[in-house]
């Protein structure tokens, strides 16, 4: 009984932690796009990148793709048929590996924590 209660508390903590993380990412992305729109200088470096996925569940992939699409400046385009690669369009690709790492270690890792 105590183990079930402990698992529920850990899952709730992970959901709250993920929500705070996503709100921070959403706020930063909104600021970046707004700054680019409102200032005369053009800073976009758009492109399409492939991100290898470690997440295996369909629900997790669905959540990840939707969260990326809801974040200004990024759009999920497609998932490979075997679910191992996610293709996204990003407006700001200053550092390709940095962006890939940001999505894998940020979004994907936290989605895996919440959706298993």
PDB file of N, CA and C in Angstrom:
ATOM      1  N   UNK A   1       0.819  -1.197   0.000  1.00  0.00           N
ATOM      2  CA  UNK A   1       0.000   0.000   0.000  1.00  0.00           C
ATOM      3  C   UNK A   1       0.859   1.255   0.000  1.00  0.00           C
ATOM      4  N   UNK A   2       1.922   1.232   0.782  1.00  0.00           N
ATOM      5  CA  UNK A   2       2.820   2.388   0.846  1.00  0.00           C
ATOM      6  C   UNK A   2       3.538   2.561  -0.486  1.00  0.00           C
ATOM      7  N   UNK A   3       3.906   1.450  -1.150  1.00  0.00           N
ATOM      8  CA  UNK A   3       4.578   1.551  -2.443  1.00  0.00           C
ATOM      9  C   UNK A   3       3.686   2.184  -3.491  1.00  0.00           C
ATOM     10  N   UNK A   4       2.400   1.842  -3.506  1.00  0.00           N
ATOM     11  CA  UNK A   4       1.464   2.436  -4.470  1.00  0.00           C
ATOM     12  C   UNK A   4       1.337   3.933  -4.214  1.00  0.00           C
ATOM     13  N   UNK A   5       1.189   4.302  -2.946  1.00  0.00           N
ATOM     14  CA  UNK A   5       1.092   5.712  -2.589  1.00  0.00           C
ATOM     15  C   UNK A   5       2.357   6.466  -3.009  1.00  0.00           C
ATOM     16  N   UNK A   6       3.504   5.836  -2.795  1.00  0.00           N
ATOM     17  CA  UNK A   6       4.780   6.452  -3.169  1.00  0.00           C
ATOM     18  C   UNK A   6       4.885   6.623  -4.680  1.00  0.00           C
ATOM     19  N   UNK A   7       4.459   5.608  -5.453  1.00  0.00           N
ATOM     20  CA  UNK A   7       4.497   5.714  -6.915  1.00  0.00           C
ATOM     21  C   UNK A   7       3.586   6.827  -7.416  1.00  0.00           C
ATOM     22  N   UNK A   8       2.408   6.966  -6.790  1.00  0.00           N
ATOM     23  CA  UNK A   8       1.482   8.031  -7.186  1.00  0.00           C
ATOM     24  C   UNK A   8       2.094   9.396  -6.894  1.00  0.00           C
ATOM     25  N   UNK A   9       2.731   9.542  -5.750  1.00  0.00           N
ATOM     26  CA  UNK A   9       3.365  10.819  -5.409  1.00  0.00           C
ATOM     27  C   UNK A   9       4.497  11.148  -6.373  1.00  0.00           C
ATOM     28  N   UNK A  10       5.296  10.154  -6.717  1.00  0.00           N
ATOM     29  CA  UNK A  10       6.401  10.381  -7.657  1.00  0.00           C
ATOM     30  C   UNK A  10       5.857  10.795  -9.018  1.00  0.00           C
ATOM     31  N   UNK A  11       4.800  10.122  -9.473  1.00  0.00           N
ATOM     32  CA  UNK A  11       4.206  10.463 -10.779  1.00  0.00           C
ATOM     33  C   UNK A  11       3.622  11.879 -10.766  1.00  0.00           C
ATOM     34  N   UNK A  12       2.950  12.242  -9.670  1.00  0.00           N
ATOM     35  CA  UNK A  12       2.409  13.598  -9.550  1.00  0.00           C
ATOM     36  C   UNK A  12       3.523  14.640  -9.570  1.00  0.00           C
ATOM     37  N   UNK A  13       4.611  14.346  -8.865  1.00  0.00           N
ATOM     38  CA  UNK A  13       5.753  15.256  -8.868  1.00  0.00           C
ATOM     39  C   UNK A  13       6.307  15.409 -10.278  1.00  0.00           C
ATOM     40  N   UNK A  14       6.410  14.304 -11.024  1.00  0.00           N
ATOM     41  CA  UNK A  14       6.943  14.365 -12.392  1.00  0.00           C
ATOM     42  C   UNK A  14       6.015  15.162 -13.309  1.00  0.00           C
ATOM     43  N   UNK A  15       4.710  15.029 -13.117  1.00  0.00           N
ATOM     44  CA  UNK A  15       3.753  15.793 -13.937  1.00  0.00           C
ATOM     45  C   UNK A  15       3.871  17.286 -13.645  1.00  0.00           C
ATOM     46  N   UNK A  16       3.955  17.633 -12.375  1.00  0.00           N
ATOM     47  CA  UNK A  16       4.099  19.055 -12.010  1.00  0.00           C
ATOM     48  C   UNK A  16       5.422  19.595 -12.514  1.00  0.00           C
ATOM     49  N   UNK A  17       6.487  18.815 -12.365  1.00  0.00           N
ATOM     50  CA  UNK A  17       7.807  19.228 -12.829  1.00  0.00           C
ATOM     51  C   UNK A  17       7.790  19.444 -14.346  1.00  0.00           C
ATOM     52  N   UNK A  18       7.142  18.521 -15.056  1.00  0.00           N
ATOM     53  CA  UNK A  18       7.051  18.641 -16.502  1.00  0.00           C
ATOM     54  C   UNK A  18       6.229  19.875 -16.906  1.00  0.00           C
ATOM     55  N   UNK A  19       5.126  20.126 -16.214  1.00  0.00           N
ATOM     56  CA  UNK A  19       4.295  21.297 -16.532  1.00  0.00           C
ATOM     57  C   UNK A  19       5.089  22.583 -16.340  1.00  0.00           C
ATOM     58  N   UNK A  20       5.863  22.665 -15.267  1.00  0.00           N
ATOM     59  CA  UNK A  20       6.686  23.860 -15.039  1.00  0.00           C
ATOM     60  C   UNK A  20       7.760  23.994 -16.121  1.00  0.00           C
ATOM     61  N   UNK A  21       8.380  22.883 -16.473  1.00  0.00           N
ATOM     62  CA  UNK A  21       9.383  22.893 -17.536  1.00  0.00           C
ATOM     63  C   UNK A  21       8.764  23.379 -18.848  1.00  0.00           C
ATOM     64  N   UNK A  22       7.574  22.843 -19.189  1.00  0.00           N
ATOM     65  CA  UNK A  22       6.956  23.219 -20.453  1.00  0.00           C
ATOM     66  C   UNK A  22       6.539  24.689 -20.448  1.00  0.00           C
ATOM     67  N   UNK A  23       6.026  25.189 -19.337  1.00  0.00           N
ATOM     68  CA  UNK A  23       5.661  26.605 -19.262  1.00  0.00           C
ATOM     69  C   UNK A  23       6.881  27.495 -19.464  1.00  0.00           C
ATOM     70  N   UNK A  24       8.012  27.103 -18.894  1.00  0.00           N
ATOM     71  CA  UNK A  24       9.261  27.870 -19.090  1.00  0.00           C
ATOM     72  C   UNK A  24       9.661  27.859 -20.571  1.00  0.00           C
ATOM     73  N   UNK A  25       9.631  26.685 -21.201  1.00  0.00           N
ATOM     74  CA  UNK A  25       9.988  26.580 -22.616  1.00  0.00           C
ATOM     75  C   UNK A  25       9.029  27.387 -23.490  1.00  0.00           C
ATOM     76  N   UNK A  26       7.754  27.320 -23.176  1.00  0.00           N
ATOM     77  CA  UNK A  26       6.736  28.058 -23.921  1.00  0.00           C
ATOM     78  C   UNK A  26       6.963  29.564 -23.805  1.00  0.00           C
ATOM     79  N   UNK A  27       7.253  30.033 -22.594  1.00  0.00           N
ATOM     80  CA  UNK A  27       7.505  31.454 -22.363  1.00  0.00           C
ATOM     81  C   UNK A  27       8.736  31.915 -23.149  1.00  0.00           C
ATOM     82  N   UNK A  28       9.820  31.152 -23.076  1.00  0.00           N
ATOM     83  CA  UNK A  28      11.048  31.527 -23.781  1.00  0.00           C
ATOM     84  C   UNK A  28      10.837  31.530 -25.298  1.00  0.00           C
ATOM     85  N   UNK A  29      10.116  30.543 -25.815  1.00  0.00           N
ATOM     86  CA  UNK A  29       9.871  30.477 -27.257  1.00  0.00           C
ATOM     87  C   UNK A  29       9.003  31.645 -27.717  1.00  0.00           C
ATOM     88  N   UNK A  30       7.995  31.994 -26.931  1.00  0.00           N
ATOM     89  CA  UNK A  30       7.157  33.140 -27.266  1.00  0.00           C
ATOM     90  C   UNK A  30       7.974  34.423 -27.300  1.00  0.00           C
ATOM     91  N   UNK A  31       8.843  34.607 -26.330  1.00  0.00           N
ATOM     92  CA  UNK A  31       9.688  35.801 -26.301  1.00  0.00           C
ATOM     93  C   UNK A  31      10.599  35.855 -27.524  1.00  0.00           C
ATOM     94  N   UNK A  32      11.181  34.739 -27.888  1.00  0.00           N
ATOM     95  CA  UNK A  32      12.111  34.715 -29.020  1.00  0.00           C
ATOM     96  C   UNK A  32      11.403  35.051 -30.328  1.00  0.00           C
ATOM     97  N   UNK A  33      10.246  34.449 -30.559  1.00  0.00           N
ATOM     98  CA  UNK A  33       9.493  34.723 -31.795  1.00  0.00           C
ATOM     99  C   UNK A  33       8.986  36.160 -31.795  1.00  0.00           C
ATOM    100  N   UNK A  34       8.469  36.632 -30.660  1.00  0.00           N
ATOM    101  CA  UNK A  34       7.969  38.009 -30.583  1.00  0.00           C
ATOM    102  C   UNK A  34       9.097  38.999 -30.839  1.00  0.00           C
ATOM    103  N   UNK A  35      10.262  38.745 -30.270  1.00  0.00           N
ATOM    104  CA  UNK A  35      11.403  39.629 -30.486  1.00  0.00           C
ATOM    105  C   UNK A  35      11.782  39.664 -31.962  1.00  0.00           C
ATOM    106  N   UNK A  36      11.762  38.525 -32.607  1.00  0.00           N
ATOM    107  CA  UNK A  36      12.124  38.473 -34.027  1.00  0.00           C
ATOM    108  C   UNK A  36      11.088  39.189 -34.889  1.00  0.00           C
ATOM    109  N   UNK A  37       9.830  39.073 -34.510  1.00  0.00           N
ATOM    110  CA  UNK A  37       8.758  39.720 -35.291  1.00  0.00           C
ATOM    111  C   UNK A  37       8.778  41.228 -35.086  1.00  0.00           C
ATOM    112  N   UNK A  38       9.035  41.670 -33.865  1.00  0.00           N
ATOM    113  CA  UNK A  38       8.926  43.087 -33.540  1.00  0.00           C
ATOM    114  C   UNK A  38      10.179  43.896 -33.831  1.00  0.00           C
ATOM    115  N   UNK A  39      11.283  43.273 -34.116  1.00  0.00           N
ATOM    116  CA  UNK A  39      12.513  44.011 -34.416  1.00  0.00           C
ATOM    117  C   UNK A  39      12.817  43.880 -35.907  1.00  0.00           C
ATOM    118  N   UNK A  40      13.493  44.887 -36.468  1.00  0.00           N
ATOM    119  CA  UNK A  40      13.709  44.883 -37.922  1.00  0.00           C
ATOM    120  C   UNK A  40      14.697  43.825 -38.418  1.00  0.00           C
ATOM    121  N   UNK A  41      15.604  43.371 -37.590  1.00  0.00           N
ATOM    122  CA  UNK A  41      16.615  42.412 -38.036  1.00  0.00           C
ATOM    123  C   UNK A  41      16.030  41.001 -38.135  1.00  0.00           C
ATOM    124  N   UNK A  42      16.406  40.299 -39.169  1.00  0.00           N
ATOM    125  CA  UNK A  42      15.935  38.940 -39.397  1.00  0.00           C
ATOM    126  C   UNK A  42      16.906  37.942 -38.771  1.00  0.00           C
ATOM    127  N   UNK A  43      16.464  37.155 -37.786  1.00  0.00           N
ATOM    128  CA  UNK A  43      17.351  36.235 -37.061  1.00  0.00           C
ATOM    129  C   UNK A  43      17.047  34.767 -37.329  1.00  0.00           C
ATOM    130  N   UNK A  44      16.025  34.495 -38.111  1.00  0.00           N
ATOM    131  CA  UNK A  44      15.626  33.100 -38.332  1.00  0.00           C
ATOM    132  C   UNK A  44      16.665  32.339 -39.160  1.00  0.00           C
ATOM    133  N   UNK A  45      16.866  31.097 -38.786  1.00  0.00           N
ATOM    134  CA  UNK A  45      17.661  30.140 -39.555  1.00  0.00           C
ATOM    135  C   UNK A  45      16.830  28.872 -39.623  1.00  0.00           C
ATOM    136  N   UNK A  46      15.801  28.854 -40.461  1.00  0.00           N
ATOM    137  CA  UNK A  46      14.876  27.723 -40.468  1.00  0.00           C
ATOM    138  C   UNK A  46      15.471  26.481 -41.122  1.00  0.00           C
ATOM    139  N   UNK A  47      14.919  25.362 -40.740  1.00  0.00           N
ATOM    140  CA  UNK A  47      15.351  24.107 -41.333  1.00  0.00           C
ATOM    141  C   UNK A  47      14.571  22.938 -40.774  1.00  0.00           C
ATOM    142  N   UNK A  48      14.785  21.801 -41.382  1.00  0.00           N
ATOM    143  CA  UNK A  48      14.140  20.559 -40.939  1.00  0.00           C
ATOM    144  C   UNK A  48      15.230  19.644 -40.395  1.00  0.00           C
ATOM    145  N   UNK A  49      14.976  19.100 -39.201  1.00  0.00           N
ATOM    146  CA  UNK A  49      15.963  18.201 -38.598  1.00  0.00           C
ATOM    147  C   UNK A  49      15.296  16.880 -38.212  1.00  0.00           C
ATOM    148  N   UNK A  50      16.104  15.850 -38.204  1.00  0.00           N
ATOM    149  CA  UNK A  50      15.657  14.522 -37.768  1.00  0.00           C
ATOM    150  C   UNK A  50      16.182  14.283 -36.359  1.00  0.00           C
ATOM    151  N   UNK A  51      15.292  13.821 -35.500  1.00  0.00           N
ATOM    152  CA  UNK A  51      15.668  13.548 -34.115  1.00  0.00           C
ATOM    153  C   UNK A  51      15.408  12.075 -33.826  1.00  0.00           C
ATOM    154  N   UNK A  52      16.441  11.316 -33.542  1.00  0.00           N
ATOM    155  CA  UNK A  52      16.219   9.911 -33.179  1.00  0.00           C
ATOM    156  C   UNK A  52      15.492   9.837 -31.841  1.00  0.00           C
ATOM    157  N   UNK A  53      14.488   8.981 -31.775  1.00  0.00           N
ATOM    158  CA  UNK A  53      13.664   8.892 -30.567  1.00  0.00           C
ATOM    159  C   UNK A  53      14.022   7.674 -29.727  1.00  0.00           C
ATOM    160  N   UNK A  54      14.046   7.886 -28.426  1.00  0.00           N
ATOM    161  CA  UNK A  54      14.187   6.775 -27.479  1.00  0.00           C
ATOM    162  C   UNK A  54      12.826   6.365 -26.933  1.00  0.00           C
ATOM    163  N   UNK A  55      11.884   7.268 -27.016  1.00  0.00           N
ATOM    164  CA  UNK A  55      10.541   6.990 -26.494  1.00  0.00           C
ATOM    165  C   UNK A  55       9.865   5.972 -27.406  1.00  0.00           C
ATOM    166  N   UNK A  56       9.181   4.997 -26.813  1.00  0.00           N
ATOM    167  CA  UNK A  56       8.610   3.897 -27.598  1.00  0.00           C
ATOM    168  C   UNK A  56       7.081   3.883 -27.636  1.00  0.00           C
ATOM    169  N   UNK A  57       6.439   4.432 -26.607  1.00  0.00           N
ATOM    170  CA  UNK A  57       4.974   4.331 -26.558  1.00  0.00           C
ATOM    171  C   UNK A  57       4.333   5.321 -27.525  1.00  0.00           C
ATOM    172  N   UNK A  58       3.225   4.897 -28.130  1.00  0.00           N
ATOM    173  CA  UNK A  58       2.503   5.772 -29.054  1.00  0.00           C
ATOM    174  C   UNK A  58       1.989   7.018 -28.336  1.00  0.00           C
ATOM    175  N   UNK A  59       1.519   6.849 -27.102  1.00  0.00           N
ATOM    176  CA  UNK A  59       1.018   7.986 -26.328  1.00  0.00           C
ATOM    177  C   UNK A  59       2.141   8.987 -26.045  1.00  0.00           C
ATOM    178  N   UNK A  60       3.311   8.472 -25.733  1.00  0.00           N
ATOM    179  CA  UNK A  60       4.457   9.348 -25.481  1.00  0.00           C
ATOM    180  C   UNK A  60       4.876  10.104 -26.731  1.00  0.00           C
ATOM    181  N   UNK A  61       4.908   9.409 -27.871  1.00  0.00           N
ATOM    182  CA  UNK A  61       5.272  10.064 -29.136  1.00  0.00           C
ATOM    183  C   UNK A  61       4.219  11.113 -29.497  1.00  0.00           C
ATOM    184  N   UNK A  62       2.947  10.779 -29.298  1.00  0.00           N
ATOM    185  CA  UNK A  62       1.871  11.732 -29.568  1.00  0.00           C
ATOM    186  C   UNK A  62       2.028  12.977 -28.693  1.00  0.00           C
ATOM    187  N   UNK A  63       2.287  12.782 -27.409  1.00  0.00           N
ATOM    188  CA  UNK A  63       2.464  13.920 -26.503  1.00  0.00           C
ATOM    189  C   UNK A  63       3.669  14.759 -26.923  1.00  0.00           C
ATOM    190  N   UNK A  64       4.769  14.093 -27.240  1.00  0.00           N
ATOM    191  CA  UNK A  64       5.977  14.810 -27.642  1.00  0.00           C
ATOM    192  C   UNK A  64       5.743  15.635 -28.907  1.00  0.00           C
ATOM    193  N   UNK A  65       5.153  15.041 -29.920  1.00  0.00           N
ATOM    194  CA  UNK A  65       4.925  15.772 -31.170  1.00  0.00           C
ATOM    195  C   UNK A  65       3.972  16.951 -30.960  1.00  0.00           C
ATOM    196  N   UNK A  66       2.950  16.768 -30.151  1.00  0.00           N
ATOM    197  CA  UNK A  66       2.014  17.869 -29.900  1.00  0.00           C
ATOM    198  C   UNK A  66       2.657  18.986 -29.090  1.00  0.00           C
ATOM    199  N   UNK A  67       3.468  18.635 -28.113  1.00  0.00           N
ATOM    200  CA  UNK A  67       4.132  19.671 -27.311  1.00  0.00           C
ATOM    201  C   UNK A  67       5.114  20.470 -28.160  1.00  0.00           C
ATOM    202  N   UNK A  68       5.828  19.790 -29.046  1.00  0.00           N
ATOM    203  CA  UNK A  68       6.761  20.494 -29.932  1.00  0.00           C
ATOM    204  C   UNK A  68       5.988  21.422 -30.866  1.00  0.00           C
ATOM    205  N   UNK A  69       4.863  20.949 -31.399  1.00  0.00           N
ATOM    206  CA  UNK A  69       4.068  21.778 -32.304  1.00  0.00           C
ATOM    207  C   UNK A  69       3.456  22.978 -31.578  1.00  0.00           C
ATOM    208  N   UNK A  70       3.066  22.808 -30.328  1.00  0.00           N
ATOM    209  CA  UNK A  70       2.459  23.917 -29.581  1.00  0.00           C
ATOM    210  C   UNK A  70       3.480  24.948 -29.135  1.00  0.00           C
ATOM    211  N   UNK A  71       4.773  24.631 -29.245  1.00  0.00           N
ATOM    212  CA  UNK A  71       5.816  25.574 -28.865  1.00  0.00           C
ATOM    213  C   UNK A  71       6.146  26.455 -30.067  1.00  0.00           C
ATOM    214  N   UNK A  72       5.987  27.763 -29.941  1.00  0.00           N
ATOM    215  CA  UNK A  72       6.270  28.649 -31.075  1.00  0.00           C
ATOM    216  C   UNK A  72       7.698  28.473 -31.604  1.00  0.00           C
ATOM    217  N   UNK A  73       7.805  28.415 -32.922  1.00  0.00           N
ATOM    218  CA  UNK A  73       9.112  28.282 -33.548  1.00  0.00           C
ATOM    219  C   UNK A  73       9.455  26.864 -33.951  1.00  0.00           C
ATOM    220  N   UNK A  74       8.655  25.901 -33.538  1.00  0.00           N
ATOM    221  CA  UNK A  74       8.898  24.508 -33.924  1.00  0.00           C
ATOM    222  C   UNK A  74       7.589  23.865 -34.361  1.00  0.00           C
ATOM    223  N   UNK A  75       7.721  22.898 -35.247  1.00  0.00           N
ATOM    224  CA  UNK A  75       6.545  22.194 -35.762  1.00  0.00           C
ATOM    225  C   UNK A  75       6.927  20.743 -36.049  1.00  0.00           C
ATOM    226  N   UNK A  76       6.193  19.807 -35.482  1.00  0.00           N
ATOM    227  CA  UNK A  76       6.431  18.394 -35.786  1.00  0.00           C
ATOM    228  C   UNK A  76       5.877  18.093 -37.165  1.00  0.00           C
ATOM    229  N   UNK A  77       6.692  17.504 -38.023  1.00  0.00           N
ATOM    230  CA  UNK A  77       6.269  17.225 -39.391  1.00  0.00           C
ATOM    231  C   UNK A  77       5.842  15.780 -39.578  1.00  0.00           C
ATOM    232  N   UNK A  78       6.669  14.850 -39.084  1.00  0.00           N
ATOM    233  CA  UNK A  78       6.395  13.443 -39.346  1.00  0.00           C
ATOM    234  C   UNK A  78       7.173  12.575 -38.364  1.00  0.00           C
ATOM    235  N   UNK A  79       6.687  11.368 -38.204  1.00  0.00           N
ATOM    236  CA  UNK A  79       7.390  10.349 -37.426  1.00  0.00           C
ATOM    237  C   UNK A  79       7.610   9.179 -38.371  1.00  0.00           C
ATOM    238  N   UNK A  80       8.799   8.605 -38.349  1.00  0.00           N
ATOM    239  CA  UNK A  80       9.066   7.462 -39.220  1.00  0.00           C
ATOM    240  C   UNK A  80       8.096   6.327 -38.904  1.00  0.00           C
ATOM    241  N   UNK A  81       7.899   5.445 -39.875  1.00  0.00           N
ATOM    242  CA  UNK A  81       6.900   4.384 -39.708  1.00  0.00           C
ATOM    243  C   UNK A  81       7.207   3.464 -38.518  1.00  0.00           C
ATOM    244  N   UNK A  82       8.469   3.294 -38.189  1.00  0.00           N
ATOM    245  CA  UNK A  82       8.803   2.457 -37.031  1.00  0.00           C
ATOM    246  C   UNK A  82       8.858   3.258 -35.724  1.00  0.00           C
ATOM    247  N   UNK A  83       8.591   4.569 -35.804  1.00  0.00           N
ATOM    248  CA  UNK A  83       8.541   5.407 -34.609  1.00  0.00           C
ATOM    249  C   UNK A  83       9.899   5.721 -34.010  1.00  0.00           C
ATOM    250  N   UNK A  84      10.955   5.572 -34.780  1.00  0.00           N
ATOM    251  CA  UNK A  84      12.291   5.784 -34.226  1.00  0.00           C
ATOM    252  C   UNK A  84      12.875   7.158 -34.543  1.00  0.00           C
ATOM    253  N   UNK A  85      12.261   7.898 -35.469  1.00  0.00           N
ATOM    254  CA  UNK A  85      12.795   9.212 -35.854  1.00  0.00           C
ATOM    255  C   UNK A  85      11.635  10.206 -35.967  1.00  0.00           C
ATOM    256  N   UNK A  86      11.851  11.376 -35.390  1.00  0.00           N
ATOM    257  CA  UNK A  86      10.883  12.465 -35.475  1.00  0.00           C
ATOM    258  C   UNK A  86      11.496  13.574 -36.334  1.00  0.00           C
ATOM    259  N   UNK A  87      10.721  14.052 -37.287  1.00  0.00           N
ATOM    260  CA  UNK A  87      11.173  15.144 -38.146  1.00  0.00           C
ATOM    261  C   UNK A  87      10.447  16.407 -37.721  1.00  0.00           C
ATOM    262  N   UNK A  88      11.218  17.451 -37.447  1.00  0.00           N
ATOM    263  CA  UNK A  88      10.604  18.714 -37.047  1.00  0.00           C
ATOM    264  C   UNK A  88      11.144  19.859 -37.899  1.00  0.00           C
ATOM    265  N   UNK A  89      10.320  20.882 -38.024  1.00  0.00           N
ATOM    266  CA  UNK A  89      10.756  22.135 -38.630  1.00  0.00           C
ATOM    267  C   UNK A  89      10.992  23.101 -37.485  1.00  0.00           C
ATOM    268  N   UNK A  90      12.142  23.752 -37.500  1.00  0.00           N
ATOM    269  CA  UNK A  90      12.461  24.730 -36.464  1.00  0.00           C
ATOM    270  C   UNK A  90      12.812  26.051 -37.136  1.00  0.00           C
ATOM    271  N   UNK A  91      12.387  27.139 -36.530  1.00  0.00           N
ATOM    272  CA  UNK A  91      12.677  28.464 -37.089  1.00  0.00           C
ATOM    273  C   UNK A  91      14.078  28.935 -36.757  1.00  0.00           C
ATOM    274  N   UNK A  92      14.634  28.450 -35.652  1.00  0.00           N
ATOM    275  CA  UNK A  92      15.936  28.945 -35.198  1.00  0.00           C
ATOM    276  C   UNK A  92      16.882  27.772 -34.981  1.00  0.00           C
ATOM    277  N   UNK A  93      17.662  27.482 -35.995  1.00  0.00           N
ATOM    278  CA  UNK A  93      18.653  26.411 -35.860  1.00  0.00           C
ATOM    279  C   UNK A  93      20.033  27.059 -35.869  1.00  0.00           C
ATOM    280  N   UNK A  94      20.385  27.626 -34.737  1.00  0.00           N
ATOM    281  CA  UNK A  94      21.718  28.222 -34.597  1.00  0.00           C
ATOM    282  C   UNK A  94      22.756  27.141 -34.364  1.00  0.00           C
ATOM    283  N   UNK A  95      22.384  26.149 -33.588  1.00  0.00           N
ATOM    284  CA  UNK A  95      23.274  25.045 -33.239  1.00  0.00           C
ATOM    285  C   UNK A  95      22.471  23.749 -33.396  1.00  0.00           C
ATOM    286  N   UNK A  96      22.715  23.034 -34.483  1.00  0.00           N
ATOM    287  CA  UNK A  96      21.928  21.843 -34.795  1.00  0.00           C
ATOM    288  C   UNK A  96      21.987  20.803 -33.681  1.00  0.00           C
ATOM    289  N   UNK A  97      23.179  20.482 -33.230  1.00  0.00           N
ATOM    290  CA  UNK A  97      23.318  19.479 -32.165  1.00  0.00           C
ATOM    291  C   UNK A  97      22.742  19.981 -30.846  1.00  0.00           C
ATOM    292  N   UNK A  98      22.872  21.284 -30.609  1.00  0.00           N
ATOM    293  CA  UNK A  98      22.307  21.860 -29.391  1.00  0.00           C
ATOM    294  C   UNK A  98      20.787  21.750 -29.378  1.00  0.00           C
ATOM    295  N   UNK A  99      20.163  22.042 -30.524  1.00  0.00           N
ATOM    296  CA  UNK A  99      18.708  21.925 -30.615  1.00  0.00           C
ATOM    297  C   UNK A  99      18.274  20.472 -30.450  1.00  0.00           C
ATOM    298  N   UNK A 100      18.983  19.574 -31.109  1.00  0.00           N
ATOM    299  CA  UNK A 100      18.662  18.150 -31.006  1.00  0.00           C
ATOM    300  C   UNK A 100      18.791  17.675 -29.553  1.00  0.00           C
ATOM    301  N   UNK A 101      19.859  18.095 -28.896  1.00  0.00           N
ATOM    302  CA  UNK A 101      20.085  17.721 -27.498  1.00  0.00           C
ATOM    303  C   UNK A 101      19.011  18.346 -26.587  1.00  0.00           C
ATOM    304  N   UNK A 102      18.639  19.599 -26.893  1.00  0.00           N
ATOM    305  CA  UNK A 102      17.615  20.284 -26.103  1.00  0.00           C
ATOM    306  C   UNK A 102      16.289  19.529 -26.159  1.00  0.00           C
ATOM    307  N   UNK A 103      15.930  19.041 -27.334  1.00  0.00           N
ATOM    308  CA  UNK A 103      14.674  18.299 -27.469  1.00  0.00           C
ATOM    309  C   UNK A 103      14.778  16.925 -26.824  1.00  0.00           C
ATOM    310  N   UNK A 104      15.894  16.246 -27.027  1.00  0.00           N
ATOM    311  CA  UNK A 104      16.042  14.899 -26.464  1.00  0.00           C
ATOM    312  C   UNK A 104      16.135  14.924 -24.935  1.00  0.00           C
ATOM    313  N   UNK A 105      16.985  15.805 -24.418  1.00  0.00           N
ATOM    314  CA  UNK A 105      17.217  15.826 -22.976  1.00  0.00           C
ATOM    315  C   UNK A 105      16.168  16.643 -22.229  1.00  0.00           C
ATOM    316  N   UNK A 106      15.484  17.509 -22.945  1.00  0.00           N
ATOM    317  CA  UNK A 106      14.439  18.302 -22.320  1.00  0.00           C
ATOM    318  C   UNK A 106      13.088  17.657 -22.509  1.00  0.00           C
ATOM    319  N   UNK A 107      12.518  17.865 -23.693  1.00  0.00           N
ATOM    320  CA  UNK A 107      11.153  17.398 -23.953  1.00  0.00           C
ATOM    321  C   UNK A 107      11.030  15.875 -23.866  1.00  0.00           C
ATOM    322  N   UNK A 108      11.849  15.154 -24.628  1.00  0.00           N
ATOM    323  CA  UNK A 108      11.661  13.709 -24.704  1.00  0.00           C
ATOM    324  C   UNK A 108      11.875  13.030 -23.352  1.00  0.00           C
ATOM    325  N   UNK A 109      12.927  13.406 -22.664  1.00  0.00           N
ATOM    326  CA  UNK A 109      13.227  12.783 -21.382  1.00  0.00           C
ATOM    327  C   UNK A 109      12.094  13.015 -20.372  1.00  0.00           C
ATOM    328  N   UNK A 110      11.566  14.238 -20.356  1.00  0.00           N
ATOM    329  CA  UNK A 110      10.495  14.541 -19.400  1.00  0.00           C
ATOM    330  C   UNK A 110       9.180  13.883 -19.818  1.00  0.00           C
ATOM    331  N   UNK A 111       8.911  13.809 -21.128  1.00  0.00           N
ATOM    332  CA  UNK A 111       7.701  13.108 -21.586  1.00  0.00           C
ATOM    333  C   UNK A 111       7.793  11.630 -21.227  1.00  0.00           C
ATOM    334  N   UNK A 112       8.976  11.049 -21.373  1.00  0.00           N
ATOM    335  CA  UNK A 112       9.154   9.643 -20.994  1.00  0.00           C
ATOM    336  C   UNK A 112       8.900   9.447 -19.501  1.00  0.00           C
ATOM    337  N   UNK A 113       9.282  10.426 -18.689  1.00  0.00           N
ATOM    338  CA  UNK A 113       9.043  10.338 -17.255  1.00  0.00           C
ATOM    339  C   UNK A 113       7.562  10.348 -16.907  1.00  0.00           C
ATOM    340  N   UNK A 114       6.796  11.116 -17.678  1.00  0.00           N
ATOM    341  CA  UNK A 114       5.361  11.228 -17.390  1.00  0.00           C
ATOM    342  C   UNK A 114       4.569  10.091 -18.027  1.00  0.00           C
ATOM    343  N   UNK A 115       4.872   9.766 -19.280  1.00  0.00           N
ATOM    344  CA  UNK A 115       4.086   8.776 -20.012  1.00  0.00           C
ATOM    345  C   UNK A 115       4.737   7.398 -20.053  1.00  0.00           C
ATOM    346  N   UNK A 116       5.812   7.235 -19.354  1.00  0.00           N
ATOM    347  CA  UNK A 116       6.424   5.923 -19.215  1.00  0.00           C
ATOM    348  C   UNK A 116       7.237   5.546 -20.352  1.00  0.00           C
TER     349      UNK A 116
END
